[in-house]
Amino acid sequence: MDGKHIVWMLMLPILVLLGGTEATESLIDLKNIEGKLVFYQMEGNATYVRDRGELASDVPTETMFELFDPQKNFSSAKFTYTWDLGNGQVINGTEPVVRYYYPESGNYTMWLKVGANVTKYSPPVTEVYSTDVQVLDAIKNIELKGPSEYEVSQDASLIFHVDGSPPIWVCWRFLPNCMPDVTEGCTLTMLYDNMLKLNHTFTSAGYHCLDISVRNEISKLQTSFSLYVRKNNGAQIFFILSCAAILMATFSFIAVIACHPHHHNKLKIAASSNAVFLKNQDSDGQSLILLKLSNIEKAEKEPLLLQYGTQGSS
């Protein structure tokens, strides 16, 4: 046996010992895989981060496993991911991201099993993560249940159906003539079901707007309703009757005032009907007319004018 073989035989135990030591150190350093789950949901061109485990149903969802590896121990590792969505769906892959959606609202528990093959000398390192997910229905529509026309001074009751998972925060306000008022705030209401009932009395006719803003844990919506308010017919009839009564009373008063002087004149004529006019001629031949008041009753036939004496010839 030459010297080379002797040297190799002496070096072999040392190399094996070093390799075992490296593998042991890898097992010690890589016994845990640290990281977290982050949820994203896409609606149109917007992407929302759902960092509280509350998701919207029927919305494209993306969940990513973010590895925490400041020492770069897993920089060359090969990972495997097994995603259990909690609704009976299991997805396997080699990427730290999974794309899916929950078709129905409810409470789910998501499980993730992460496996990492670091070196050929060590077994795979695995870690299991779980998180509770609450899937809620997003608010997509507000519907008015009832008429859109009302009357002035009428106690109106407006009922709305708000879809989406409660609890729901509602902020509403009425705008007469649909004129925005930035100085006036809205009334905040909390809904624990999907029905919103508002009681309101309109004080003026015309078009009114009702602004409603709603939101729950994963969505929000703002809309406006146009309501037409007509004049109250009963109030109009009452007003017309009141005006007619006032006019009749006015005309009656005027008629009484107008007839009162005429009646007074008739009394004067009746009183003077007992007067007797006497015409006499004096010594100079001039005629004199004398007025004589007497107590002749109305039924007497004595003439009013009595002529005495003779007239001078012309």
Protein backbone atom coordinates (compact mmCIF):
# COMPACT_ATOMS: atom_id res chain seq x y z
CA MET A 1 0.00 0.00 0.00
CA ASP A 2 1.55 3.27 -1.11
CA GLY A 3 1.63 6.51 0.77
CA LYS A 4 -1.35 8.04 -1.11
CA HIS A 5 -3.72 5.32 0.02
CA ILE A 6 -2.48 5.64 3.57
CA VAL A 7 -3.14 9.40 3.55
CA TRP A 8 -6.61 8.91 2.07
CA MET A 9 -7.53 6.35 4.67
CA LEU A 10 -6.40 8.70 7.40
CA MET A 11 -8.40 11.64 5.93
CA LEU A 12 -11.64 9.72 5.37
CA PRO A 13 -12.80 9.57 9.04
CA ILE A 14 -12.08 13.26 9.37
CA LEU A 15 -14.23 14.14 6.33
CA VAL A 16 -17.07 11.94 7.54
CA LEU A 17 -16.89 13.58 10.94
CA LEU A 18 -17.01 17.05 9.38
CA GLY A 19 -19.97 16.13 7.19
CA GLY A 20 -21.89 14.77 10.16
CA THR A 21 -21.15 17.86 12.13
CA GLU A 22 -22.46 20.08 9.27
CA ALA A 23 -25.64 18.05 9.01
CA THR A 24 -26.18 18.19 12.76
CA GLU A 25 -25.71 21.95 12.74
CA SER A 26 -28.22 22.26 9.89
CA LEU A 27 -30.78 20.29 11.85
CA ILE A 28 -30.27 22.49 14.86
CA ASP A 29 -30.48 25.79 12.95
CA LEU A 30 -33.36 24.82 10.65
CA LYS A 31 -35.70 23.07 12.99
CA ASN A 32 -38.32 25.90 12.67
CA ILE A 33 -39.69 27.71 9.65
CA GLU A 34 -40.91 31.12 10.70
CA GLY A 35 -43.31 33.24 8.70
CA LYS A 36 -46.85 34.62 8.46
CA LEU A 37 -49.90 34.51 6.21
CA VAL A 38 -51.06 37.63 4.36
CA PHE A 39 -54.44 37.87 2.58
CA TYR A 40 -55.18 40.00 -0.50
CA GLN A 41 -58.47 40.51 -2.32
CA MET A 42 -58.92 42.07 -5.75
CA GLU A 43 -62.02 44.04 -6.76
CA GLY A 44 -61.74 45.68 -10.16
CA ASN A 45 -58.47 47.58 -10.26
CA ALA A 46 -58.20 47.79 -6.48
CA THR A 47 -56.36 45.40 -4.19
CA TYR A 48 -57.19 45.23 -0.49
CA VAL A 49 -55.01 43.80 2.26
CA ARG A 50 -57.08 41.71 4.69
CA ASP A 51 -54.74 41.54 7.64
CA ARG A 52 -57.43 40.70 10.20
CA GLY A 53 -58.61 37.43 8.72
CA GLU A 54 -61.88 38.85 7.39
CA LEU A 55 -62.58 38.14 3.73
CA ALA A 56 -65.36 38.96 1.30
CA SER A 57 -67.25 36.09 -0.24
CA ASP A 58 -67.20 35.47 -4.01
CA VAL A 59 -64.18 37.74 -4.47
CA PRO A 60 -60.82 36.60 -5.96
CA THR A 61 -58.46 36.03 -3.04
CA GLU A 62 -54.73 35.53 -2.82
CA THR A 63 -52.94 34.23 0.28
CA MET A 64 -49.17 34.46 0.56
CA PHE A 65 -46.77 32.87 3.00
CA GLU A 66 -44.08 35.41 3.90
CA LEU A 67 -40.95 33.63 5.16
CA PHE A 68 -39.01 35.18 8.01
CA ASP A 69 -35.37 34.21 7.36
CA PRO A 70 -32.96 37.01 8.32
CA GLN A 71 -29.99 34.58 8.39
CA LYS A 72 -30.68 33.31 4.88
CA ASN A 73 -30.64 29.74 6.10
CA PHE A 74 -33.37 28.75 3.64
CA SER A 75 -31.98 30.66 0.66
CA SER A 76 -31.20 27.44 -1.22
CA ALA A 77 -34.02 25.30 0.20
CA LYS A 78 -36.76 23.77 -1.89
CA PHE A 79 -40.21 24.32 -0.41
CA THR A 80 -43.52 22.54 -0.73
CA TYR A 81 -46.86 23.97 0.37
CA THR A 82 -50.12 22.23 1.17
CA TRP A 83 -53.09 24.58 1.57
CA ASP A 84 -56.28 23.38 3.26
CA LEU A 85 -58.91 26.12 2.88
CA GLY A 86 -61.23 24.64 5.50
CA ASN A 87 -64.14 24.21 3.08
CA GLY A 88 -63.04 20.83 1.74
CA GLN A 89 -60.66 22.26 -0.85
CA VAL A 90 -56.92 21.31 -0.67
CA ILE A 91 -54.30 22.87 -2.95
CA ASN A 92 -50.69 21.64 -3.30
CA GLY A 93 -47.84 23.60 -4.85
CA THR A 94 -44.26 24.78 -4.71
CA GLU A 95 -45.01 28.52 -4.66
CA PRO A 96 -45.63 30.47 -1.42
CA VAL A 97 -48.91 31.83 -2.80
CA VAL A 98 -52.32 30.34 -3.48
CA ARG A 99 -55.26 31.84 -5.43
CA TYR A 100 -58.87 30.94 -4.68
CA TYR A 101 -62.18 32.38 -3.41
CA TYR A 102 -64.84 31.45 -0.92
CA PRO A 103 -68.25 31.18 -2.64
CA GLU A 104 -70.24 31.45 0.60
CA SER A 105 -69.96 33.38 3.83
CA GLY A 106 -69.10 31.59 7.05
CA ASN A 107 -66.30 30.81 9.49
CA TYR A 108 -63.42 28.66 8.26
CA THR A 109 -60.04 27.48 9.54
CA MET A 110 -57.20 27.53 7.02
CA TRP A 111 -54.25 25.14 7.41
CA LEU A 112 -50.86 25.44 5.74
CA LYS A 113 -48.13 22.81 5.85
CA VAL A 114 -44.73 24.11 4.76
CA GLY A 115 -41.89 21.67 3.92
CA ALA A 116 -38.28 22.64 3.23
CA ASN A 117 -35.47 20.46 1.86
CA VAL A 118 -32.28 22.23 2.84
CA THR A 119 -29.40 19.71 2.38
CA LYS A 120 -29.13 16.15 1.22
CA TYR A 121 -27.81 15.18 4.60
CA SER A 122 -30.81 16.37 6.63
CA PRO A 123 -34.47 15.32 6.52
CA PRO A 124 -37.09 17.86 5.33
CA VAL A 125 -38.06 20.53 7.82
CA THR A 126 -41.83 21.02 8.17
CA GLU A 127 -44.03 23.53 9.87
CA VAL A 128 -47.83 23.77 10.14
CA TYR A 129 -49.73 27.03 10.36
CA SER A 130 -53.43 27.63 10.97
CA THR A 131 -55.61 30.71 11.10
CA ASP A 132 -59.31 31.39 11.52
CA VAL A 133 -60.97 33.09 8.56
CA GLN A 134 -64.30 34.90 8.71
CA VAL A 135 -65.91 35.21 5.28
CA LEU A 136 -68.51 37.97 4.99
CA ASP A 137 -70.87 39.06 2.23
CA ALA A 138 -69.89 42.42 0.76
CA ILE A 139 -72.47 45.20 0.49
CA LYS A 140 -73.36 45.55 -3.17
CA ASN A 141 -76.89 46.95 -3.24
CA ILE A 142 -79.42 49.03 -1.26
CA GLU A 143 -83.06 48.65 -2.32
CA LEU A 144 -86.02 50.86 -1.37
CA LYS A 145 -89.02 48.73 -0.40
CA GLY A 146 -92.04 50.94 -1.02
CA PRO A 147 -93.16 54.03 -2.94
CA SER A 148 -90.94 56.90 -3.99
CA GLU A 149 -93.72 59.54 -3.70
CA TYR A 150 -94.98 61.04 -0.45
CA GLU A 151 -97.09 63.95 0.82
CA VAL A 152 -96.23 67.06 2.79
CA SER A 153 -96.82 66.83 6.55
CA GLN A 154 -97.35 63.09 6.30
CA ASP A 155 -95.56 60.72 8.66
CA ALA A 156 -93.64 58.66 6.09
CA SER A 157 -92.01 55.31 6.79
CA LEU A 158 -89.21 54.33 4.41
CA ILE A 159 -87.93 50.74 4.44
CA PHE A 160 -84.67 49.66 2.76
CA HIS A 161 -83.04 46.27 2.24
CA VAL A 162 -79.26 46.37 2.61
CA ASP A 163 -77.44 43.27 1.43
CA GLY A 164 -74.19 42.20 3.04
CA SER A 165 -73.23 40.60 6.32
CA PRO A 166 -74.16 42.49 9.50
CA PRO A 167 -73.31 44.33 11.62
CA ILE A 168 -73.70 47.24 9.23
CA TRP A 169 -73.04 50.92 9.96
CA VAL A 170 -75.47 53.28 8.20
CA CYS A 171 -75.16 57.07 7.90
CA TRP A 172 -78.13 58.88 6.30
CA ARG A 173 -79.51 62.39 5.75
CA PHE A 174 -82.38 64.07 3.84
CA LEU A 175 -81.63 66.94 1.46
CA PRO A 176 -84.61 69.21 0.59
CA ASN A 177 -84.62 70.10 -3.12
CA CYS A 178 -81.57 67.84 -3.42
CA MET A 179 -79.30 70.72 -2.45
CA PRO A 180 -76.10 69.50 -0.74
CA ASP A 181 -75.37 70.93 2.68
CA VAL A 182 -71.77 70.47 3.77
CA THR A 183 -72.47 71.97 7.19
CA GLU A 184 -75.05 69.35 8.14
CA GLY A 185 -73.87 65.92 9.23
CA CYS A 186 -75.59 62.59 8.90
CA THR A 187 -77.39 60.34 11.38
CA LEU A 188 -75.48 57.19 12.30
CA THR A 189 -77.37 53.93 12.80
CA MET A 190 -76.17 50.39 13.53
CA LEU A 191 -77.94 47.47 11.84
CA TYR A 192 -77.84 43.94 13.17
CA ASP A 193 -79.94 42.63 10.28
CA ASN A 194 -80.49 43.68 6.66
CA MET A 195 -83.53 45.96 7.11
CA LEU A 196 -83.28 49.73 7.53
CA LYS A 197 -86.44 51.64 8.56
CA LEU A 198 -86.53 55.45 8.60
CA ASN A 199 -89.42 57.61 9.85
CA HIS A 200 -89.54 61.12 8.42
CA THR A 201 -92.02 63.98 7.93
CA PHE A 202 -91.54 66.12 4.82
CA THR A 203 -92.25 69.81 5.37
CA SER A 204 -92.09 71.06 1.78
CA ALA A 205 -93.17 69.85 -1.64
CA GLY A 206 -90.83 69.04 -4.51
CA TYR A 207 -87.95 66.65 -4.99
CA HIS A 208 -85.95 65.51 -1.97
CA CYS A 209 -82.78 63.40 -1.91
CA LEU A 210 -81.83 60.79 0.65
CA ASP A 211 -78.09 60.11 0.90
CA ILE A 212 -77.14 56.78 2.48
CA SER A 213 -73.63 55.51 3.26
CA VAL A 214 -73.22 51.93 4.54
CA ARG A 215 -70.26 49.76 5.46
CA ASN A 216 -69.41 46.52 7.19
CA GLU A 217 -66.08 44.90 8.06
CA ILE A 218 -65.02 44.25 4.46
CA SER A 219 -66.94 46.66 2.19
CA LYS A 220 -68.68 50.03 1.92
CA LEU A 221 -71.22 51.62 -0.41
CA GLN A 222 -72.71 55.08 -0.90
CA THR A 223 -75.88 55.85 -2.86
CA SER A 224 -78.68 58.43 -3.14
CA PHE A 225 -82.45 58.14 -3.64
CA SER A 226 -84.66 60.78 -5.29
CA LEU A 227 -88.06 61.17 -3.58
CA TYR A 228 -90.97 63.27 -4.83
CA VAL A 229 -93.14 65.01 -2.24
CA ARG A 230 -96.51 66.39 -3.37
CA LYS A 231 -98.83 68.80 -1.58
CA ASN A 232 -101.33 67.34 0.83
CA ASN A 233 -104.83 67.35 -0.79
CA GLY A 234 -106.56 67.38 2.57
CA ALA A 235 -104.62 70.44 3.61
CA GLN A 236 -105.50 72.14 0.31
CA ILE A 237 -109.23 71.46 0.79
CA PHE A 238 -109.07 72.74 4.36
CA PHE A 239 -107.29 75.87 3.17
CA ILE A 240 -109.86 76.47 0.40
CA LEU A 241 -112.79 76.00 2.79
CA SER A 242 -111.19 78.34 5.30
CA CYS A 243 -110.69 81.00 2.65
CA ALA A 244 -114.29 80.57 1.43
CA ALA A 245 -115.61 80.97 4.97
CA ILE A 246 -113.55 84.12 5.44
CA LEU A 247 -114.80 85.56 2.14
CA MET A 248 -118.43 84.79 2.97
CA ALA A 249 -118.09 86.43 6.35
CA THR A 250 -116.50 89.48 4.70
CA PHE A 251 -119.24 89.78 2.08
CA SER A 252 -121.95 89.42 4.73
CA PHE A 253 -120.40 92.18 6.80
CA ILE A 254 -120.19 94.46 3.75
CA ALA A 255 -123.84 93.73 2.87
CA VAL A 256 -125.00 94.62 6.37
CA ILE A 257 -123.04 97.87 6.32
CA ALA A 258 -124.38 98.77 2.86
CA CYS A 259 -128.03 98.11 3.77
CA HIS A 260 -128.03 99.96 7.10
CA PRO A 261 -128.05 103.59 5.73
CA HIS A 262 -130.90 102.81 3.27
CA HIS A 263 -133.07 101.59 6.09
CA HIS A 264 -132.31 104.78 8.04
CA ASN A 265 -133.44 106.95 5.10
CA LYS A 266 -136.73 105.09 4.89
CA LEU A 267 -137.36 105.91 8.54
CA LYS A 268 -136.73 109.59 7.80
CA ILE A 269 -139.19 109.60 4.91
CA ALA A 270 -141.85 107.89 7.01
CA ALA A 271 -141.42 110.45 9.74
CA SER A 272 -141.76 113.39 7.35
CA SER A 273 -144.86 112.03 5.67
CA ASN A 274 -146.96 113.77 8.37
CA ALA A 275 -145.81 117.20 7.31
CA VAL A 276 -148.32 119.63 5.67
CA PHE A 277 -147.20 122.33 3.30
CA LEU A 278 -149.51 125.45 3.32
CA LYS A 279 -149.41 128.09 0.63
CA ASN A 280 -150.89 131.48 1.42
CA GLN A 281 -150.85 134.84 -0.19
CA ASP A 282 -150.07 137.94 1.79
CA SER A 283 -151.43 141.47 1.29
CA ASP A 284 -148.81 142.28 -1.29
CA GLY A 285 -149.96 139.53 -3.52
CA GLN A 286 -146.94 137.25 -2.81
CA SER A 287 -147.41 133.62 -2.09
CA LEU A 288 -146.00 132.12 1.09
CA ILE A 289 -145.39 128.41 1.68
CA LEU A 290 -145.79 127.30 5.25
CA LEU A 291 -144.68 123.97 6.68
CA LYS A 292 -147.04 122.55 9.24
CA LEU A 293 -146.28 119.39 11.14
CA SER A 294 -149.26 117.38 12.25
CA ASN A 295 -149.99 114.04 13.79
CA ILE A 296 -151.82 112.66 10.78
CA GLU A 297 -151.60 108.93 10.77
CA LYS A 298 -150.31 107.09 7.82
CA ALA A 299 -153.76 105.73 6.95
CA GLU A 300 -155.45 109.21 6.73
CA LYS A 301 -156.45 110.47 3.32
CA GLU A 302 -155.99 114.25 3.94
CA PRO A 303 -153.89 115.80 1.19
CA LEU A 304 -150.47 117.08 2.00
CA LEU A 305 -150.76 120.42 0.09
CA LEU A 306 -153.63 122.73 0.83
CA GLN A 307 -153.93 126.00 -1.05
CA TYR A 308 -155.77 128.91 0.59
CA GLY A 309 -156.62 132.17 -1.01
CA THR A 310 -156.37 133.20 -4.58
CA GLN A 311 -153.33 133.63 -6.69
CA GLY A 312 -152.66 136.86 -8.31
CA SER A 313 -153.26 136.95 -11.95
CA SER A 314 -150.30 137.10 -14.07
